[in-house]
């Protein structure tokens, strides 16, 4: 199961580019890497295993001060 996530909160103009970049990398790239690794592994095994990725419910409601975080969680939802 993958449930990685990192969040920075606040007005977008007040957040550092470094913090936003790290959040985007953790919240999106980790999913791509995990899928690549585990889906290939599951195909090789031809087993009845499952790979579960957990996203966030934040994409279904307003999220003041969490715009970038919400966008990264929406990314996760789209690729699941």
C-alpha atoms as a PDB file:
ATOM      1  CA  UNK A   1       0.000   0.000   0.000  1.00  0.00           C
ATOM      2  CA  UNK A   2       1.270   3.455  -0.884  1.00  0.00           C
ATOM      3  CA  UNK A   3       0.058   6.440   1.109  1.00  0.00           C
ATOM      4  CA  UNK A   4       2.900   8.945   0.673  1.00  0.00           C
ATOM      5  CA  UNK A   5       2.229  12.602   1.124  1.00  0.00           C
ATOM      6  CA  UNK A   6       3.752  15.906   2.070  1.00  0.00           C
ATOM      7  CA  UNK A   7       1.926  19.191   2.619  1.00  0.00           C
ATOM      8  CA  UNK A   8       2.805  22.851   2.983  1.00  0.00           C
ATOM      9  CA  UNK A   9      -0.008  25.217   3.960  1.00  0.00           C
ATOM     10  CA  UNK A  10      -0.419  28.919   3.583  1.00  0.00           C
ATOM     11  CA  UNK A  11      -0.860  31.646   1.027  1.00  0.00           C
ATOM     12  CA  UNK A  12       0.810  30.543  -2.176  1.00  0.00           C
ATOM     13  CA  UNK A  13       2.795  33.790  -2.400  1.00  0.00           C
ATOM     14  CA  UNK A  14       4.265  33.134   1.066  1.00  0.00           C
ATOM     15  CA  UNK A  15       5.446  29.566   0.418  1.00  0.00           C
ATOM     16  CA  UNK A  16       8.993  28.902  -0.698  1.00  0.00           C
ATOM     17  CA  UNK A  17       9.583  27.450  -4.132  1.00  0.00           C
ATOM     18  CA  UNK A  18      11.782  24.763  -2.561  1.00  0.00           C
ATOM     19  CA  UNK A  19       8.993  23.597  -0.214  1.00  0.00           C
ATOM     20  CA  UNK A  20       6.459  23.537  -3.053  1.00  0.00           C
ATOM     21  CA  UNK A  21       8.860  21.642  -5.315  1.00  0.00           C
ATOM     22  CA  UNK A  22       9.582  19.019  -2.658  1.00  0.00           C
ATOM     23  CA  UNK A  23       5.866  18.512  -2.083  1.00  0.00           C
ATOM     24  CA  UNK A  24       5.173  18.068  -5.791  1.00  0.00           C
ATOM     25  CA  UNK A  25       8.034  15.564  -6.121  1.00  0.00           C
ATOM     26  CA  UNK A  26       6.968  13.484  -3.109  1.00  0.00           C
ATOM     27  CA  UNK A  27       3.250  13.557  -3.922  1.00  0.00           C
ATOM     28  CA  UNK A  28       3.520  12.789  -7.637  1.00  0.00           C
ATOM     29  CA  UNK A  29       6.849  11.233  -8.533  1.00  0.00           C
ATOM     30  CA  UNK A  30       6.610   8.665  -5.749  1.00  0.00           C
ATOM     31  CA  UNK A  31       3.378   7.377  -7.275  1.00  0.00           C
ATOM     32  CA  UNK A  32       4.924   7.054 -10.710  1.00  0.00           C
ATOM     33  CA  UNK A  33       7.948   5.194  -9.320  1.00  0.00           C
ATOM     34  CA  UNK A  34       5.860   2.901  -7.128  1.00  0.00           C
ATOM     35  CA  UNK A  35       3.508   2.019  -9.959  1.00  0.00           C
ATOM     36  CA  UNK A  36       6.371   1.302 -12.314  1.00  0.00           C
ATOM     37  CA  UNK A  37       8.083  -0.986  -9.821  1.00  0.00           C
ATOM     38  CA  UNK A  38       5.092  -2.826  -8.415  1.00  0.00           C
ATOM     39  CA  UNK A  39       3.061  -3.256 -11.594  1.00  0.00           C
ATOM     40  CA  UNK A  40       6.030  -4.834 -13.363  1.00  0.00           C
ATOM     41  CA  UNK A  41       6.610  -7.056 -10.344  1.00  0.00           C
ATOM     42  CA  UNK A  42       2.960  -8.155 -10.258  1.00  0.00           C
ATOM     43  CA  UNK A  43       3.041  -8.945 -13.980  1.00  0.00           C
ATOM     44  CA  UNK A  44       6.155 -11.100 -13.518  1.00  0.00           C
ATOM     45  CA  UNK A  45       4.667 -13.042 -10.626  1.00  0.00           C
ATOM     46  CA  UNK A  46       1.305 -13.614 -12.277  1.00  0.00           C
ATOM     47  CA  UNK A  47      -0.029 -13.869  -8.760  1.00  0.00           C
ATOM     48  CA  UNK A  48      -3.260 -12.826  -7.163  1.00  0.00           C
ATOM     49  CA  UNK A  49      -1.538  -9.998  -5.319  1.00  0.00           C
ATOM     50  CA  UNK A  50      -2.883  -6.470  -5.312  1.00  0.00           C
ATOM     51  CA  UNK A  51      -1.307  -3.049  -5.266  1.00  0.00           C
ATOM     52  CA  UNK A  52      -3.330  -0.467  -3.355  1.00  0.00           C
ATOM     53  CA  UNK A  53      -2.702   3.243  -3.718  1.00  0.00           C
ATOM     54  CA  UNK A  54      -4.506   5.582  -1.354  1.00  0.00           C
ATOM     55  CA  UNK A  55      -5.329   9.118  -2.443  1.00  0.00           C
ATOM     56  CA  UNK A  56      -6.850  11.976  -0.487  1.00  0.00           C
ATOM     57  CA  UNK A  57     -10.417  13.129  -0.126  1.00  0.00           C
ATOM     58  CA  UNK A  58      -9.194  16.711  -0.342  1.00  0.00           C
ATOM     59  CA  UNK A  59      -9.855  16.726  -4.077  1.00  0.00           C
ATOM     60  CA  UNK A  60     -13.599  16.599  -3.435  1.00  0.00           C
ATOM     61  CA  UNK A  61     -13.871  19.687  -1.259  1.00  0.00           C
ATOM     62  CA  UNK A  62     -12.570  23.255  -1.116  1.00  0.00           C
ATOM     63  CA  UNK A  63      -9.090  23.491   0.347  1.00  0.00           C
ATOM     64  CA  UNK A  64      -8.098  27.060   1.207  1.00  0.00           C
ATOM     65  CA  UNK A  65      -4.329  27.474   1.541  1.00  0.00           C
ATOM     66  CA  UNK A  66      -3.773  23.992   0.085  1.00  0.00           C
ATOM     67  CA  UNK A  67      -3.884  24.676  -3.653  1.00  0.00           C
ATOM     68  CA  UNK A  68      -0.680  22.923  -4.690  1.00  0.00           C
ATOM     69  CA  UNK A  69      -1.286  20.036  -2.289  1.00  0.00           C
ATOM     70  CA  UNK A  70      -4.783  19.580  -3.713  1.00  0.00           C
ATOM     71  CA  UNK A  71      -3.360  19.564  -7.233  1.00  0.00           C
ATOM     72  CA  UNK A  72      -0.826  16.868  -6.356  1.00  0.00           C
ATOM     73  CA  UNK A  73      -3.523  14.731  -4.756  1.00  0.00           C
ATOM     74  CA  UNK A  74      -5.681  15.140  -7.837  1.00  0.00           C
ATOM     75  CA  UNK A  75      -2.733  13.847  -9.875  1.00  0.00           C
ATOM     76  CA  UNK A  76      -2.717  10.732  -7.706  1.00  0.00           C
ATOM     77  CA  UNK A  77      -6.438  10.256  -8.280  1.00  0.00           C
ATOM     78  CA  UNK A  78      -6.050  10.552 -12.029  1.00  0.00           C
ATOM     79  CA  UNK A  79      -3.341   7.908 -12.340  1.00  0.00           C
ATOM     80  CA  UNK A  80      -4.951   5.434  -9.951  1.00  0.00           C
END
